[in-house]
N, C-alpha and C. Protein backbone atom coordinates (compact mmCIF):
# COMPACT_ATOMS: atom_id res chain seq x y z
N UNK A 1 -82.81 4.89 -48.78
CA UNK A 1 -83.25 4.91 -47.39
C UNK A 1 -82.55 6.05 -46.65
N UNK A 2 -83.30 6.73 -45.84
CA UNK A 2 -82.70 7.84 -45.09
C UNK A 2 -82.09 7.35 -43.79
N UNK A 3 -81.32 8.22 -43.17
CA UNK A 3 -80.61 7.87 -41.96
C UNK A 3 -81.47 7.91 -40.72
N UNK A 4 -80.83 7.66 -39.58
CA UNK A 4 -81.51 7.65 -38.29
C UNK A 4 -80.50 7.89 -37.17
N UNK A 5 -81.04 8.22 -36.02
CA UNK A 5 -80.25 8.33 -34.80
C UNK A 5 -80.39 7.04 -34.00
N UNK A 6 -79.32 6.64 -33.33
CA UNK A 6 -79.37 5.56 -32.36
C UNK A 6 -78.95 6.13 -31.02
N UNK A 7 -79.81 5.98 -30.05
CA UNK A 7 -79.58 6.47 -28.69
C UNK A 7 -79.26 5.26 -27.82
N UNK A 8 -78.15 5.34 -27.10
CA UNK A 8 -77.74 4.20 -26.28
C UNK A 8 -77.20 4.67 -24.92
N UNK A 9 -77.07 3.69 -24.03
CA UNK A 9 -76.55 3.96 -22.68
C UNK A 9 -75.22 3.23 -22.54
N UNK A 10 -74.22 3.94 -22.04
CA UNK A 10 -72.89 3.34 -21.87
C UNK A 10 -72.84 2.53 -20.56
N UNK A 11 -71.76 1.79 -20.40
CA UNK A 11 -71.60 0.94 -19.21
C UNK A 11 -71.61 1.74 -17.91
N UNK A 12 -71.17 3.00 -17.97
CA UNK A 12 -71.14 3.81 -16.75
C UNK A 12 -72.42 4.61 -16.53
N UNK A 13 -73.47 4.29 -17.30
CA UNK A 13 -74.77 4.92 -17.08
C UNK A 13 -75.00 6.22 -17.83
N UNK A 14 -74.06 6.63 -18.65
CA UNK A 14 -74.23 7.85 -19.42
C UNK A 14 -74.86 7.52 -20.78
N UNK A 15 -75.29 8.55 -21.48
CA UNK A 15 -75.99 8.38 -22.74
C UNK A 15 -75.22 9.01 -23.88
N UNK A 16 -75.39 8.43 -25.08
CA UNK A 16 -74.78 9.00 -26.29
C UNK A 16 -75.68 8.66 -27.45
N UNK A 17 -75.48 9.39 -28.54
CA UNK A 17 -76.18 9.05 -29.76
C UNK A 17 -75.20 9.04 -30.91
N UNK A 18 -75.56 8.29 -31.93
CA UNK A 18 -74.84 8.31 -33.19
C UNK A 18 -75.87 8.60 -34.28
N UNK A 19 -75.40 9.25 -35.32
CA UNK A 19 -76.21 9.46 -36.52
C UNK A 19 -75.72 8.47 -37.56
N UNK A 20 -76.64 7.68 -38.09
CA UNK A 20 -76.31 6.67 -39.10
C UNK A 20 -76.83 7.14 -40.45
N UNK A 21 -76.05 6.88 -41.50
CA UNK A 21 -76.51 7.13 -42.87
C UNK A 21 -77.44 6.00 -43.29
N UNK A 22 -78.08 6.15 -44.42
CA UNK A 22 -79.00 5.14 -44.92
C UNK A 22 -78.38 3.76 -45.10
N UNK A 23 -77.04 3.71 -45.29
CA UNK A 23 -76.33 2.43 -45.44
C UNK A 23 -75.86 1.87 -44.09
N UNK A 24 -76.33 2.47 -42.99
CA UNK A 24 -76.03 2.06 -41.61
C UNK A 24 -74.63 2.44 -41.14
N UNK A 25 -73.89 3.22 -41.92
CA UNK A 25 -72.57 3.69 -41.50
C UNK A 25 -72.73 4.84 -40.51
N UNK A 26 -71.96 4.81 -39.43
CA UNK A 26 -71.98 5.90 -38.45
C UNK A 26 -71.29 7.12 -39.05
N UNK A 27 -71.99 8.25 -39.07
CA UNK A 27 -71.42 9.46 -39.66
C UNK A 27 -71.19 10.58 -38.65
N UNK A 28 -71.75 10.44 -37.44
CA UNK A 28 -71.54 11.45 -36.39
C UNK A 28 -71.75 10.77 -35.05
N UNK A 29 -70.87 11.06 -34.10
CA UNK A 29 -70.95 10.51 -32.74
C UNK A 29 -70.97 11.65 -31.74
N UNK A 30 -71.87 11.55 -30.78
CA UNK A 30 -71.99 12.61 -29.77
C UNK A 30 -71.00 12.40 -28.63
N UNK A 31 -70.95 13.42 -27.78
CA UNK A 31 -70.26 13.29 -26.51
C UNK A 31 -71.12 12.43 -25.58
N UNK A 32 -70.65 12.18 -24.37
CA UNK A 32 -71.46 11.49 -23.38
C UNK A 32 -72.30 12.50 -22.62
N UNK A 33 -73.53 12.13 -22.35
CA UNK A 33 -74.47 12.98 -21.60
C UNK A 33 -74.86 12.26 -20.33
N UNK A 34 -75.09 13.01 -19.26
CA UNK A 34 -75.42 12.40 -17.98
C UNK A 34 -76.87 11.93 -17.90
N UNK A 35 -77.75 12.51 -18.70
CA UNK A 35 -79.16 12.10 -18.68
C UNK A 35 -79.66 11.84 -20.10
N UNK A 36 -80.69 11.03 -20.19
CA UNK A 36 -81.29 10.73 -21.49
C UNK A 36 -81.86 11.99 -22.12
N UNK A 37 -82.48 12.84 -21.31
CA UNK A 37 -83.10 14.05 -21.86
C UNK A 37 -82.07 15.01 -22.47
N UNK A 38 -80.87 15.10 -21.89
CA UNK A 38 -79.86 15.97 -22.49
C UNK A 38 -79.32 15.36 -23.79
N UNK A 39 -79.25 14.02 -23.87
CA UNK A 39 -78.87 13.38 -25.12
C UNK A 39 -79.94 13.64 -26.19
N UNK A 40 -81.20 13.59 -25.81
CA UNK A 40 -82.29 13.88 -26.75
C UNK A 40 -82.23 15.34 -27.21
N UNK A 41 -81.82 16.23 -26.30
CA UNK A 41 -81.62 17.63 -26.70
C UNK A 41 -80.48 17.75 -27.70
N UNK A 42 -79.46 16.93 -27.55
CA UNK A 42 -78.35 16.89 -28.52
C UNK A 42 -78.83 16.47 -29.90
N UNK A 43 -79.70 15.47 -29.94
CA UNK A 43 -80.28 15.03 -31.22
C UNK A 43 -81.06 16.17 -31.86
N UNK A 44 -81.85 16.88 -31.04
CA UNK A 44 -82.61 18.02 -31.56
C UNK A 44 -81.67 19.09 -32.11
N UNK A 45 -80.54 19.28 -31.45
CA UNK A 45 -79.56 20.27 -31.91
C UNK A 45 -78.94 19.86 -33.25
N UNK A 46 -78.69 18.55 -33.44
CA UNK A 46 -78.19 18.09 -34.74
C UNK A 46 -79.23 18.40 -35.82
N UNK A 47 -80.48 18.10 -35.53
CA UNK A 47 -81.55 18.38 -36.51
C UNK A 47 -81.56 19.85 -36.91
N UNK A 48 -81.38 20.73 -35.94
CA UNK A 48 -81.42 22.17 -36.19
C UNK A 48 -80.19 22.67 -36.93
N UNK A 49 -79.02 22.21 -36.51
CA UNK A 49 -77.76 22.77 -36.99
C UNK A 49 -77.13 22.07 -38.20
N UNK A 50 -77.49 20.82 -38.45
CA UNK A 50 -76.81 20.07 -39.51
C UNK A 50 -76.97 20.65 -40.91
N UNK A 51 -78.07 21.32 -41.26
CA UNK A 51 -78.17 21.86 -42.63
C UNK A 51 -77.26 23.07 -42.91
N UNK A 52 -76.68 23.69 -41.88
CA UNK A 52 -75.96 24.96 -42.04
C UNK A 52 -74.45 24.75 -42.21
N UNK A 53 -73.91 25.22 -43.34
CA UNK A 53 -72.47 25.11 -43.62
C UNK A 53 -71.61 25.66 -42.49
N UNK A 54 -72.02 26.79 -41.93
CA UNK A 54 -71.19 27.47 -40.93
C UNK A 54 -71.09 26.71 -39.61
N UNK A 55 -71.86 25.64 -39.45
CA UNK A 55 -71.83 24.86 -38.20
C UNK A 55 -70.77 23.76 -38.23
N UNK A 56 -70.08 23.59 -39.36
CA UNK A 56 -69.08 22.53 -39.49
C UNK A 56 -67.68 23.10 -39.33
N UNK A 57 -66.91 22.45 -38.48
CA UNK A 57 -65.52 22.81 -38.26
C UNK A 57 -64.67 21.68 -38.84
N UNK A 58 -63.97 21.98 -39.92
CA UNK A 58 -63.10 20.99 -40.57
C UNK A 58 -61.75 20.96 -39.86
N UNK A 59 -61.30 19.76 -39.52
CA UNK A 59 -60.08 19.61 -38.73
C UNK A 59 -59.16 18.56 -39.35
N UNK A 60 -57.88 18.64 -38.97
CA UNK A 60 -56.90 17.63 -39.32
C UNK A 60 -56.27 17.14 -38.03
N UNK A 61 -56.28 15.83 -37.83
CA UNK A 61 -55.72 15.24 -36.62
C UNK A 61 -54.19 15.21 -36.71
N UNK A 62 -53.56 14.97 -35.58
CA UNK A 62 -52.10 14.92 -35.52
C UNK A 62 -51.51 13.85 -36.44
N UNK A 63 -52.29 12.80 -36.71
CA UNK A 63 -51.82 11.73 -37.58
C UNK A 63 -52.06 12.00 -39.07
N UNK A 64 -52.56 13.21 -39.38
CA UNK A 64 -52.77 13.58 -40.77
C UNK A 64 -54.13 13.21 -41.33
N UNK A 65 -54.96 12.53 -40.53
CA UNK A 65 -56.31 12.17 -40.96
C UNK A 65 -57.22 13.40 -40.83
N UNK A 66 -58.33 13.36 -41.54
CA UNK A 66 -59.26 14.47 -41.57
C UNK A 66 -60.56 14.10 -40.87
N UNK A 67 -61.16 15.08 -40.18
CA UNK A 67 -62.44 14.87 -39.51
C UNK A 67 -63.14 16.20 -39.37
N UNK A 68 -64.35 16.17 -38.84
CA UNK A 68 -65.07 17.41 -38.61
C UNK A 68 -65.88 17.34 -37.34
N UNK A 69 -66.18 18.51 -36.80
CA UNK A 69 -67.10 18.66 -35.68
C UNK A 69 -68.32 19.42 -36.18
N UNK A 70 -69.48 19.03 -35.69
CA UNK A 70 -70.69 19.80 -35.89
C UNK A 70 -70.91 20.60 -34.62
N UNK A 71 -71.06 21.91 -34.77
CA UNK A 71 -71.19 22.79 -33.61
C UNK A 71 -72.56 23.46 -33.58
N UNK A 72 -73.01 23.74 -32.38
CA UNK A 72 -74.26 24.48 -32.17
C UNK A 72 -74.00 25.98 -32.33
N UNK A 73 -75.04 26.76 -32.28
CA UNK A 73 -74.92 28.21 -32.40
C UNK A 73 -74.04 28.83 -31.33
N UNK A 74 -73.93 28.17 -30.16
CA UNK A 74 -73.08 28.67 -29.07
C UNK A 74 -71.65 28.16 -29.19
N UNK A 75 -71.33 27.54 -30.33
CA UNK A 75 -69.99 27.02 -30.66
C UNK A 75 -69.61 25.76 -29.88
N UNK A 76 -70.56 25.16 -29.17
CA UNK A 76 -70.29 23.91 -28.46
C UNK A 76 -70.38 22.74 -29.45
N UNK A 77 -69.45 21.80 -29.35
CA UNK A 77 -69.46 20.63 -30.24
C UNK A 77 -70.65 19.74 -29.90
N UNK A 78 -71.44 19.41 -30.92
CA UNK A 78 -72.58 18.51 -30.76
C UNK A 78 -72.16 17.08 -31.08
N UNK A 79 -71.35 16.95 -32.13
CA UNK A 79 -70.91 15.63 -32.55
C UNK A 79 -69.64 15.70 -33.37
N UNK A 80 -68.95 14.57 -33.45
CA UNK A 80 -67.67 14.46 -34.16
C UNK A 80 -67.75 13.30 -35.15
N UNK A 81 -67.13 13.50 -36.29
CA UNK A 81 -67.12 12.47 -37.32
C UNK A 81 -66.06 11.41 -37.03
N UNK A 82 -66.05 10.41 -37.88
CA UNK A 82 -64.95 9.44 -37.90
C UNK A 82 -63.74 10.11 -38.55
N UNK A 83 -62.63 9.41 -38.60
CA UNK A 83 -61.44 9.90 -39.30
C UNK A 83 -61.51 9.49 -40.76
N UNK A 84 -61.11 10.40 -41.63
CA UNK A 84 -61.13 10.17 -43.08
C UNK A 84 -59.71 10.27 -43.63
N UNK A 85 -59.43 9.52 -44.69
CA UNK A 85 -58.11 9.52 -45.31
C UNK A 85 -57.86 10.76 -46.16
N UNK A 86 -58.94 11.40 -46.64
CA UNK A 86 -58.76 12.56 -47.51
C UNK A 86 -59.75 13.66 -47.16
N UNK A 87 -59.42 14.88 -47.58
CA UNK A 87 -60.34 16.00 -47.39
C UNK A 87 -61.62 15.77 -48.17
N UNK A 88 -61.52 15.18 -49.34
CA UNK A 88 -62.69 14.91 -50.16
C UNK A 88 -63.65 13.94 -49.44
N UNK A 89 -63.11 12.91 -48.82
CA UNK A 89 -63.94 11.97 -48.06
C UNK A 89 -64.60 12.67 -46.88
N UNK A 90 -63.86 13.52 -46.19
CA UNK A 90 -64.43 14.28 -45.08
C UNK A 90 -65.59 15.14 -45.56
N UNK A 91 -65.40 15.81 -46.70
CA UNK A 91 -66.45 16.67 -47.23
C UNK A 91 -67.69 15.87 -47.62
N UNK A 92 -67.51 14.64 -48.07
CA UNK A 92 -68.65 13.76 -48.35
C UNK A 92 -69.35 13.38 -47.05
N UNK A 93 -68.58 13.21 -45.98
CA UNK A 93 -69.16 12.94 -44.67
C UNK A 93 -70.03 14.09 -44.20
N UNK A 94 -69.55 15.31 -44.40
CA UNK A 94 -70.33 16.51 -44.05
C UNK A 94 -71.62 16.53 -44.85
N UNK A 95 -71.53 16.26 -46.15
CA UNK A 95 -72.72 16.24 -47.00
C UNK A 95 -73.72 15.19 -46.50
N UNK A 96 -73.23 14.07 -46.04
CA UNK A 96 -74.10 13.02 -45.52
C UNK A 96 -74.80 13.45 -44.23
N UNK A 97 -74.08 14.14 -43.35
CA UNK A 97 -74.70 14.65 -42.12
C UNK A 97 -75.77 15.70 -42.48
N UNK A 98 -75.47 16.54 -43.45
CA UNK A 98 -76.46 17.54 -43.89
C UNK A 98 -77.74 16.87 -44.39
N UNK A 99 -77.57 15.78 -45.13
CA UNK A 99 -78.72 15.05 -45.67
C UNK A 99 -79.49 14.29 -44.60
N UNK A 100 -78.77 13.61 -43.72
CA UNK A 100 -79.40 12.70 -42.75
C UNK A 100 -79.69 13.33 -41.39
N UNK A 101 -79.03 14.44 -41.07
CA UNK A 101 -79.20 15.06 -39.75
C UNK A 101 -80.62 15.49 -39.40
N UNK A 102 -81.41 15.97 -40.35
CA UNK A 102 -82.77 16.39 -40.00
C UNK A 102 -83.77 15.25 -39.74
N UNK A 103 -83.35 14.00 -39.88
CA UNK A 103 -84.28 12.87 -39.72
C UNK A 103 -84.99 12.91 -38.37
N UNK A 104 -86.21 12.44 -38.37
CA UNK A 104 -86.99 12.35 -37.13
C UNK A 104 -86.91 10.95 -36.52
N UNK A 105 -86.25 10.02 -37.20
CA UNK A 105 -86.19 8.62 -36.73
C UNK A 105 -85.13 8.47 -35.66
N UNK A 106 -85.55 7.95 -34.49
CA UNK A 106 -84.63 7.64 -33.39
C UNK A 106 -84.86 6.21 -32.97
N UNK A 107 -83.82 5.41 -32.98
CA UNK A 107 -83.88 4.05 -32.47
C UNK A 107 -83.31 4.08 -31.06
N UNK A 108 -84.18 3.89 -30.10
CA UNK A 108 -83.82 4.00 -28.69
C UNK A 108 -83.37 2.66 -28.16
N UNK A 109 -82.08 2.52 -27.86
CA UNK A 109 -81.51 1.29 -27.34
C UNK A 109 -81.21 1.39 -25.84
N UNK A 110 -81.82 2.35 -25.18
CA UNK A 110 -81.55 2.51 -23.75
C UNK A 110 -82.41 1.55 -22.96
């Protein structure tokens, strides 16, 4: 089963999306957006940018955990991964975003 996006509204009225893998695990989380249409533009940006290696920024947190950001062509962060215990796990997360990011399925929970 392929992945999907979930679009939701936060308690303060802002919007965010997550990208889920086929096993329903969250693999990418967006920033907060002030409007639904800008969140939908963020989803479109994931679809466009997720297949490209150069759009991933591999990072190490202060606690030694590993994560990544997916960036747009203008270098703005589109989404951030969860924290991973190893670089290998992080790289598998990137591979999952590459596979699932182009999906057209959006589950709108707004």
